[in-house]
Amino acid sequence: MKKLIAVLVPLTLALTACVSTNTTMGTTGMQSTTQQLGNTALKIAINAKCTTELNNTAAWQTATKLMTATQKQNIQSEICGCVSEKAPQSVTAVDLATAAIDPAARNTIVTNAVTKTINACVAEAVK
């Protein structure tokens, strides 16, 4: 997990540096491209963290004991997909900038974002 994040953030920053702007794109276009890349990297990290959290939760292990592997995977994909979509909404631009620089902060930001949204997404999936 940490290795994945350690690879994705520098890669995202490197790709952002390669983006060229033309006169019609301007600064606003560059900011939105950077934000999109940052959000994509964040969603990948959040999805990985969500999967880990679910698999390590005793309630999840008990609830999925009688499910087939396909059923378990489908529900896990639904829950973590929800978390990946909702969790970035709780991350500020300052958090994203900090996450790009500080690996410890990145882990904390991802963990907090998953923790804030996973229960709501589990509740949605169970309905």
Protein backbone atom coordinates (compact mmCIF):
# COMPACT_ATOMS: atom_id res chain seq x y z
CA MET A 1 0.00 0.00 0.00
CA LYS A 2 2.69 2.47 1.03
CA LYS A 3 4.81 1.49 -1.96
CA LEU A 4 1.86 2.05 -4.29
CA ILE A 5 1.30 5.53 -2.91
CA ALA A 6 5.03 6.25 -2.94
CA VAL A 7 5.08 5.44 -6.65
CA LEU A 8 1.81 7.11 -7.65
CA VAL A 9 2.34 10.55 -6.13
CA PRO A 10 5.77 11.22 -7.73
CA LEU A 11 4.46 9.77 -10.99
CA THR A 12 1.46 12.07 -10.82
CA LEU A 13 3.67 15.05 -10.14
CA ALA A 14 6.01 14.09 -12.97
CA LEU A 15 3.12 13.71 -15.39
CA THR A 16 1.72 17.03 -14.28
CA ALA A 17 5.04 18.67 -15.10
CA CYS A 18 4.82 17.24 -18.61
CA VAL A 19 1.44 18.77 -19.34
CA SER A 20 1.78 21.59 -21.81
CA THR A 21 -0.63 24.47 -21.92
CA ASN A 22 -1.64 26.52 -24.91
CA THR A 23 -3.00 30.03 -24.83
CA THR A 24 -6.62 28.88 -24.69
CA MET A 25 -6.01 26.54 -21.75
CA GLY A 26 -4.30 29.02 -19.44
CA THR A 27 -3.68 28.69 -15.71
CA THR A 28 -7.20 27.50 -14.92
CA GLY A 29 -6.83 24.52 -17.26
CA MET A 30 -3.50 23.60 -15.69
CA GLN A 31 -4.96 23.74 -12.20
CA SER A 32 -7.88 21.53 -13.14
CA THR A 33 -5.54 19.01 -14.81
CA THR A 34 -3.34 18.92 -11.72
CA GLN A 35 -6.38 18.54 -9.49
CA GLN A 36 -7.72 15.71 -11.65
CA LEU A 37 -4.41 13.84 -11.48
CA GLY A 38 -4.20 14.39 -7.73
CA ASN A 39 -7.76 13.20 -7.24
CA THR A 40 -7.14 10.11 -9.37
CA ALA A 41 -4.06 9.18 -7.34
CA LEU A 42 -6.00 9.82 -4.14
CA LYS A 43 -8.91 7.63 -5.27
CA ILE A 44 -6.52 4.76 -6.04
CA ALA A 45 -4.91 5.06 -2.61
CA ILE A 46 -8.31 5.31 -0.91
CA ASN A 47 -9.61 2.25 -2.75
CA ALA A 48 -6.55 0.22 -1.68
CA LYS A 49 -6.90 1.40 1.93
CA CYS A 50 -10.63 0.60 1.92
CA THR A 51 -9.97 -2.95 0.72
CA THR A 52 -7.38 -3.45 3.46
CA GLU A 53 -9.66 -2.01 6.13
CA LEU A 54 -12.57 -4.21 5.08
CA ASN A 55 -10.49 -7.37 5.00
CA ASN A 56 -9.08 -6.64 8.47
CA THR A 57 -12.47 -5.95 10.07
CA ALA A 58 -13.90 -8.80 12.12
CA ALA A 59 -17.48 -7.82 11.23
CA TRP A 60 -16.64 -8.02 7.50
CA GLN A 61 -14.98 -11.41 7.92
CA THR A 62 -18.01 -12.73 9.78
CA ALA A 63 -20.54 -11.22 7.37
CA THR A 64 -18.81 -12.64 4.30
CA LYS A 65 -18.03 -16.09 5.70
CA LEU A 66 -20.94 -17.74 3.89
CA MET A 67 -20.60 -15.74 0.66
CA THR A 68 -19.00 -16.98 -2.51
CA ALA A 69 -15.80 -15.28 -3.61
CA THR A 70 -17.74 -13.52 -6.39
CA GLN A 71 -20.40 -12.21 -4.00
CA LYS A 72 -17.75 -11.00 -1.58
CA GLN A 73 -15.82 -9.29 -4.40
CA ASN A 74 -18.96 -7.61 -5.77
CA ILE A 75 -19.97 -6.18 -2.40
CA GLN A 76 -16.39 -5.13 -1.63
CA SER A 77 -16.17 -3.37 -5.02
CA GLU A 78 -19.47 -1.60 -4.36
CA ILE A 79 -18.40 -0.43 -0.90
CA CYS A 80 -14.88 0.64 -1.85
CA GLY A 81 -16.14 2.27 -5.06
CA CYS A 82 -18.49 4.34 -2.92
CA VAL A 83 -15.66 5.21 -0.53
CA SER A 84 -13.37 6.16 -3.45
CA GLU A 85 -16.02 8.53 -4.78
CA LYS A 86 -17.05 10.12 -1.48
CA ALA A 87 -13.82 10.24 0.52
CA PRO A 88 -12.00 12.81 -1.68
CA GLN A 89 -14.79 15.27 -0.89
CA SER A 90 -13.47 15.42 2.67
CA VAL A 91 -9.90 16.21 1.52
CA THR A 92 -8.91 19.83 1.08
CA ALA A 93 -6.49 21.27 -1.47
CA VAL A 94 -4.04 21.92 1.38
CA ASP A 95 -4.27 18.22 2.34
CA LEU A 96 -3.53 17.23 -1.26
CA ALA A 97 -0.49 19.49 -1.36
CA THR A 98 0.74 18.15 1.97
CA ALA A 99 0.18 14.56 0.81
CA ALA A 100 2.33 15.19 -2.25
CA ILE A 101 5.26 16.20 -0.06
CA ASP A 102 4.96 14.21 3.16
CA PRO A 103 4.43 10.41 3.06
CA ALA A 104 3.37 10.25 6.71
CA ALA A 105 0.76 12.95 6.15
CA ARG A 106 -0.41 11.17 3.01
CA ASN A 107 -1.10 7.99 4.97
CA THR A 108 -2.94 9.93 7.66
CA ILE A 109 -5.05 11.84 5.12
CA VAL A 110 -6.02 8.64 3.29
CA THR A 111 -6.82 6.83 6.54
CA ASN A 112 -8.97 9.72 7.80
CA ALA A 113 -10.83 9.99 4.50
CA VAL A 114 -11.60 6.24 4.46
CA THR A 115 -12.64 6.22 8.12
CA LYS A 116 -15.06 9.12 7.59
CA THR A 117 -16.87 7.45 4.69
CA ILE A 118 -16.63 3.68 4.99
CA ASN A 119 -19.50 3.27 7.48
CA ALA A 120 -21.89 5.28 5.32
CA CYS A 121 -20.94 3.24 2.26
CA VAL A 122 -21.36 -0.07 4.10
CA ALA A 123 -24.83 1.08 5.16
CA GLU A 124 -25.69 1.96 1.54
CA ALA A 125 -24.46 -1.42 0.29
CA VAL A 126 -26.47 -3.34 2.87
CA LYS A 127 -29.76 -1.62 1.95
